C-alpha atoms as a PDB file:
ATOM      1  CA  MET A   1       2.686  14.494  19.489  1.00  0.00           C
ATOM      2  CA  THR A   2       1.960  10.973  18.213  1.00  0.00           C
ATOM      3  CA  LEU A   3       0.030  10.519  14.974  1.00  0.00           C
ATOM      4  CA  THR A   4      -1.241   7.377  13.268  1.00  0.00           C
ATOM      5  CA  LEU A   5      -1.403   7.253   9.486  1.00  0.00           C
ATOM      6  CA  ASP A   6      -3.246   4.870   7.191  1.00  0.00           C
ATOM      7  CA  VAL A   7      -0.802   4.108   4.374  1.00  0.00           C
ATOM      8  CA  HIS A   8      -2.029   2.600   1.099  1.00  0.00           C
ATOM      9  CA  GLY A   9      -0.073   0.975  -1.712  1.00  0.00           C
ATOM     10  CA  MET A  10       2.601  -0.930   0.223  1.00  0.00           C
ATOM     11  CA  THR A  11       3.215  -4.478  -0.982  1.00  0.00           C
ATOM     12  CA  CYS A  12       6.316  -5.544   0.976  1.00  0.00           C
ATOM     13  CA  ALA A  13       8.643  -4.715   3.873  1.00  0.00           C
ATOM     14  CA  ARG A  14      10.805  -2.614   1.544  1.00  0.00           C
ATOM     15  CA  CYS A  15       7.781  -0.406   0.857  1.00  0.00           C
ATOM     16  CA  ALA A  16       7.413   0.170   4.600  1.00  0.00           C
ATOM     17  CA  GLU A  17      11.100   1.115   4.842  1.00  0.00           C
ATOM     18  CA  THR A  18      10.650   3.603   1.995  1.00  0.00           C
ATOM     19  CA  VAL A  19       7.665   5.210   3.742  1.00  0.00           C
ATOM     20  CA  GLU A  20       9.562   5.367   7.053  1.00  0.00           C
ATOM     21  CA  LYS A  21      12.485   7.078   5.337  1.00  0.00           C
ATOM     22  CA  ALA A  22      10.138   9.600   3.693  1.00  0.00           C
ATOM     23  CA  LEU A  23       8.503  10.388   7.042  1.00  0.00           C
ATOM     24  CA  ARG A  24      11.849  10.802   8.803  1.00  0.00           C
ATOM     25  CA  CYS A  25      12.807  13.435   6.232  1.00  0.00           C
ATOM     26  CA  VAL A  26      10.031  15.729   7.471  1.00  0.00           C
ATOM     27  CA  PRO A  27      11.541  18.321   9.854  1.00  0.00           C
ATOM     28  CA  GLY A  28      10.340  17.683  13.401  1.00  0.00           C
ATOM     29  CA  VAL A  29       9.748  13.934  13.017  1.00  0.00           C
ATOM     30  CA  GLU A  30      11.459  12.142  15.881  1.00  0.00           C
ATOM     31  CA  ILE A  31      10.277   8.554  15.300  1.00  0.00           C
ATOM     32  CA  ALA A  32       8.577   6.929  12.301  1.00  0.00           C
ATOM     33  CA  GLU A  33       7.509   3.275  12.300  1.00  0.00           C
ATOM     34  CA  VAL A  34       5.436   1.669   9.550  1.00  0.00           C
ATOM     35  CA  ASP A  35       3.670  -1.703   9.688  1.00  0.00           C
ATOM     36  CA  GLN A  36       3.220  -2.859   6.078  1.00  0.00           C
ATOM     37  CA  PRO A  37       0.805  -5.767   6.690  1.00  0.00           C
ATOM     38  CA  ARG A  38      -1.562  -3.503   8.637  1.00  0.00           C
ATOM     39  CA  GLY A  39      -1.032  -0.480   6.387  1.00  0.00           C
ATOM     40  CA  ARG A  40      -0.384   1.744   9.392  1.00  0.00           C
ATOM     41  CA  GLY A  41       2.323   4.145  10.392  1.00  0.00           C
ATOM     42  CA  THR A  42       3.042   5.739  13.764  1.00  0.00           C
ATOM     43  CA  VAL A  43       4.895   9.029  13.843  1.00  0.00           C
ATOM     44  CA  VAL A  44       6.176  10.895  16.890  1.00  0.00           C
ATOM     45  CA  THR A  45       6.736  14.557  16.107  1.00  0.00           C
ATOM     46  CA  ALA A  46       7.735  17.762  17.806  1.00  0.00           C
ATOM     47  CA  HIS A  47       4.837  20.157  18.337  1.00  0.00           C
ATOM     48  CA  GLY A  48       4.118  22.319  15.335  1.00  0.00           C
ATOM     49  CA  VAL A  49       4.561  19.664  12.623  1.00  0.00           C
ATOM     50  CA  ASP A  50       1.730  19.970  10.121  1.00  0.00           C
ATOM     51  CA  PRO A  51       0.127  16.530   9.539  1.00  0.00           C
ATOM     52  CA  ASP A  52      -0.312  17.473   5.864  1.00  0.00           C
ATOM     53  CA  GLN A  53       3.500  17.561   5.576  1.00  0.00           C
ATOM     54  CA  LEU A  54       3.554  13.900   6.579  1.00  0.00           C
ATOM     55  CA  THR A  55       0.956  12.819   4.028  1.00  0.00           C
ATOM     56  CA  ARG A  56       2.628  14.851   1.268  1.00  0.00           C
ATOM     57  CA  SER A  57       5.988  13.249   2.067  1.00  0.00           C
ATOM     58  CA  VAL A  58       4.445   9.767   1.812  1.00  0.00           C
ATOM     59  CA  GLU A  59       2.782  10.705  -1.488  1.00  0.00           C
ATOM     60  CA  ARG A  60       6.099  11.969  -2.901  1.00  0.00           C
ATOM     61  CA  ALA A  61       7.514   8.510  -2.089  1.00  0.00           C
ATOM     62  CA  GLY A  62       4.797   6.952  -4.282  1.00  0.00           C
ATOM     63  CA  TYR A  63       2.192   5.891  -1.719  1.00  0.00           C
ATOM     64  CA  ARG A  64      -1.023   7.362  -0.333  1.00  0.00           C
ATOM     65  CA  ALA A  65      -1.536   8.277   3.309  1.00  0.00           C
ATOM     66  CA  GLU A  66      -4.161   9.868   5.497  1.00  0.00           C
ATOM     67  CA  ILE A  67      -4.159  10.732   9.163  1.00  0.00           C
ATOM     68  CA  SER A  68      -6.290   8.184  11.052  1.00  0.00           C
ATOM     69  CA  GLY A  69      -9.438   9.655  12.495  1.00  0.00           C
ATOM     70  CA  SER A  70      -9.012  12.922  10.613  1.00  0.00           C
ATOM     71  CA  ASN A  71     -11.965  14.820   9.244  1.00  0.00           C
ATOM     72  CA  ALA A  72     -10.444  14.700   5.753  1.00  0.00           C
ATOM     73  CA  ALA A  73     -12.597  13.331   2.970  1.00  0.00           C
ATOM     74  CA  HIS A  74     -12.516   9.569   3.296  1.00  0.00           C
ATOM     75  CA  GLU A  75     -11.904   7.626   0.117  1.00  0.00           C
ATOM     76  CA  GLU A  76     -13.450   4.203  -0.099  1.00  0.00           C
ATOM     77  CA  PRO A  77     -10.810   1.473   0.438  1.00  0.00           C
ATOM     78  CA  ALA A  78      -9.688  -0.379  -2.682  1.00  0.00           C
ATOM     79  CA  GLU A  79     -11.190  -3.659  -1.408  1.00  0.00           C
ATOM     80  CA  GLU A  80     -14.653  -2.050  -1.167  1.00  0.00           C
ATOM     81  CA  ARG A  81     -14.390  -0.361  -4.575  1.00  0.00           C
ATOM     82  CA  ALA A  82     -13.351  -3.641  -6.195  1.00  0.00           C
ATOM     83  CA  SER A  83     -16.378  -5.467  -4.783  1.00  0.00           C
ATOM     84  CA  VAL A  84     -18.939  -3.035  -6.224  1.00  0.00           C
ATOM     85  CA  PRO A  85     -20.566  -4.667  -9.265  1.00  0.00           C
ATOM     86  CA  PRO A  86     -20.522  -2.683 -12.510  1.00  0.00           C
ATOM     87  CA  ASP A  87     -23.678  -0.937 -13.663  1.00  0.00           C
ATOM     88  CA  ALA A  88     -25.931  -3.060 -15.853  1.00  0.00           C
ATOM     89  CA  ASP A  89     -25.290  -0.707 -18.778  1.00  0.00           C
ATOM     90  CA  GLU A  90     -21.508  -1.056 -18.505  1.00  0.00           C
ATOM     91  CA  ASP A  91     -19.517  -3.665 -20.410  1.00  0.00           C
ATOM     92  CA  PRO A  92     -18.175  -6.108 -17.764  1.00  0.00           C
ATOM     93  CA  CYS A  93     -15.066  -6.640 -19.917  1.00  0.00           C
ATOM     94  CA  ASP A  94     -14.153  -2.952 -20.114  1.00  0.00           C
ATOM     95  CA  TYR A  95     -10.937  -2.462 -18.119  1.00  0.00           C
ATOM     96  CA  ASP A  96      -8.605   0.487 -17.720  1.00  0.00           C
ATOM     97  CA  LEU A  97      -5.583  -1.800 -17.420  1.00  0.00           C
ATOM     98  CA  LEU A  98      -4.813  -5.337 -18.596  1.00  0.00           C
ATOM     99  CA  ILE A  99      -1.965  -6.988 -16.699  1.00  0.00           C
ATOM    100  CA  VAL A 100      -0.180  -9.957 -18.222  1.00  0.00           C
ATOM    101  CA  GLY A 101       1.132 -12.273 -15.503  1.00  0.00           C
ATOM    102  CA  SER A 102       0.137 -12.625 -11.869  1.00  0.00           C
ATOM    103  CA  GLY A 103       3.598 -12.490 -10.352  1.00  0.00           C
ATOM    104  CA  GLY A 104       4.753  -9.911  -7.829  1.00  0.00           C
ATOM    105  CA  ALA A 105       4.839  -7.030 -10.310  1.00  0.00           C
ATOM    106  CA  GLY A 106       1.439  -7.961 -11.718  1.00  0.00           C
ATOM    107  CA  MET A 107      -0.133  -8.083  -8.273  1.00  0.00           C
ATOM    108  CA  ALA A 108       1.477  -4.762  -7.298  1.00  0.00           C
ATOM    109  CA  ALA A 109       0.227  -3.173 -10.528  1.00  0.00           C
ATOM    110  CA  ALA A 110      -3.324  -4.420  -9.903  1.00  0.00           C
ATOM    111  CA  ILE A 111      -3.306  -3.130  -6.322  1.00  0.00           C
ATOM    112  CA  ARG A 112      -1.993   0.274  -7.414  1.00  0.00           C
ATOM    113  CA  ALA A 113      -4.524   0.519 -10.257  1.00  0.00           C
ATOM    114  CA  SER A 114      -7.356  -0.226  -7.842  1.00  0.00           C
ATOM    115  CA  GLU A 115      -6.103   2.382  -5.367  1.00  0.00           C
ATOM    116  CA  LEU A 116      -6.129   4.942  -8.167  1.00  0.00           C
ATOM    117  CA  GLY A 117      -9.727   4.050  -9.022  1.00  0.00           C
ATOM    118  CA  ALA A 118      -8.953   2.112 -12.192  1.00  0.00           C
ATOM    119  CA  THR A 119     -10.339  -1.290 -13.103  1.00  0.00           C
ATOM    120  CA  ALA A 120      -7.757  -3.947 -13.850  1.00  0.00           C
ATOM    121  CA  ALA A 121      -7.776  -7.491 -15.168  1.00  0.00           C
ATOM    122  CA  ILE A 122      -4.959  -9.978 -14.709  1.00  0.00           C
ATOM    123  CA  VAL A 123      -4.277 -12.615 -17.356  1.00  0.00           C
ATOM    124  CA  GLU A 124      -2.215 -15.628 -16.260  1.00  0.00           C
ATOM    125  CA  GLY A 125      -0.971 -18.291 -18.672  1.00  0.00           C
ATOM    126  CA  GLY A 126       0.342 -20.703 -16.039  1.00  0.00           C
ATOM    127  CA  GLU A 127      -1.527 -23.253 -13.990  1.00  0.00           C
ATOM    128  CA  VAL A 128      -0.907 -21.429 -10.694  1.00  0.00           C
ATOM    129  CA  VAL A 129      -1.942 -17.862 -10.044  1.00  0.00           C
ATOM    130  CA  GLY A 130       0.895 -15.847  -8.586  1.00  0.00           C
ATOM    131  CA  GLY A 131       4.022 -17.238 -10.146  1.00  0.00           C
ATOM    132  CA  THR A 132       7.200 -18.298  -8.368  1.00  0.00           C
ATOM    133  CA  CYS A 133       7.860 -14.979  -6.645  1.00  0.00           C
ATOM    134  CA  VAL A 134       4.392 -14.721  -5.093  1.00  0.00           C
ATOM    135  CA  ASN A 135       3.989 -18.382  -4.076  1.00  0.00           C
ATOM    136  CA  VAL A 136       7.396 -19.792  -3.121  1.00  0.00           C
ATOM    137  CA  GLY A 137      10.008 -17.131  -3.860  1.00  0.00           C
ATOM    138  CA  CYS A 138      10.824 -13.698  -2.595  1.00  0.00           C
ATOM    139  CA  ILE A 139       7.463 -12.603  -1.168  1.00  0.00           C
ATOM    140  CA  PRO A 140       7.004 -15.540   1.246  1.00  0.00           C
ATOM    141  CA  SER A 141      10.711 -15.271   2.085  1.00  0.00           C
ATOM    142  CA  LYS A 142      10.365 -11.567   2.912  1.00  0.00           C
ATOM    143  CA  TYR A 143       7.443 -12.276   5.230  1.00  0.00           C
ATOM    144  CA  LEU A 144       9.351 -15.100   6.937  1.00  0.00           C
ATOM    145  CA  ILE A 145      12.431 -12.885   7.398  1.00  0.00           C
ATOM    146  CA  GLU A 146      10.271 -10.045   8.729  1.00  0.00           C
ATOM    147  CA  ALA A 147       8.503 -12.399  11.165  1.00  0.00           C
ATOM    148  CA  ALA A 148      11.829 -13.748  12.406  1.00  0.00           C
ATOM    149  CA  HIS A 149      13.178 -10.217  12.791  1.00  0.00           C
ATOM    150  CA  ARG A 150      10.123  -9.138  14.830  1.00  0.00           C
ATOM    151  CA  TYR A 151      10.350 -12.282  16.965  1.00  0.00           C
ATOM    152  CA  HIS A 152      13.985 -11.604  17.855  1.00  0.00           C
ATOM    153  CA  THR A 153      13.588  -7.877  18.600  1.00  0.00           C
END
């Protein structure tokens, strides 16, 4: 049986590897492949594997997953929640989390906060949003390495 999962919270190729490893630990999983940029995972299982086991395994690894096309309650994607304007009575400067710095960790923290339903604000003291890691360092390098790897396989 082949299942497709929507996986939320991944920010890099290493996240996808972590999710794949978690899925492979579920008894009966034969193949697990996760595409981080698309937020999707494909799992080939023996018959009798409970799809809830897969989502629980992903959640234990620190991410959120749901079976695509399932009748489970659908939570609004983080991008849609973030675009909803606050109520007129709410203070527009009332945040659950204030993040100092917009580097890789700051961006990951903001994404995770949004996925958990929290409001977050990022404060950056530099002239460029994102910092070295996000703009010219490890994150672009990881994507370039991943693209090269996919091209050659």
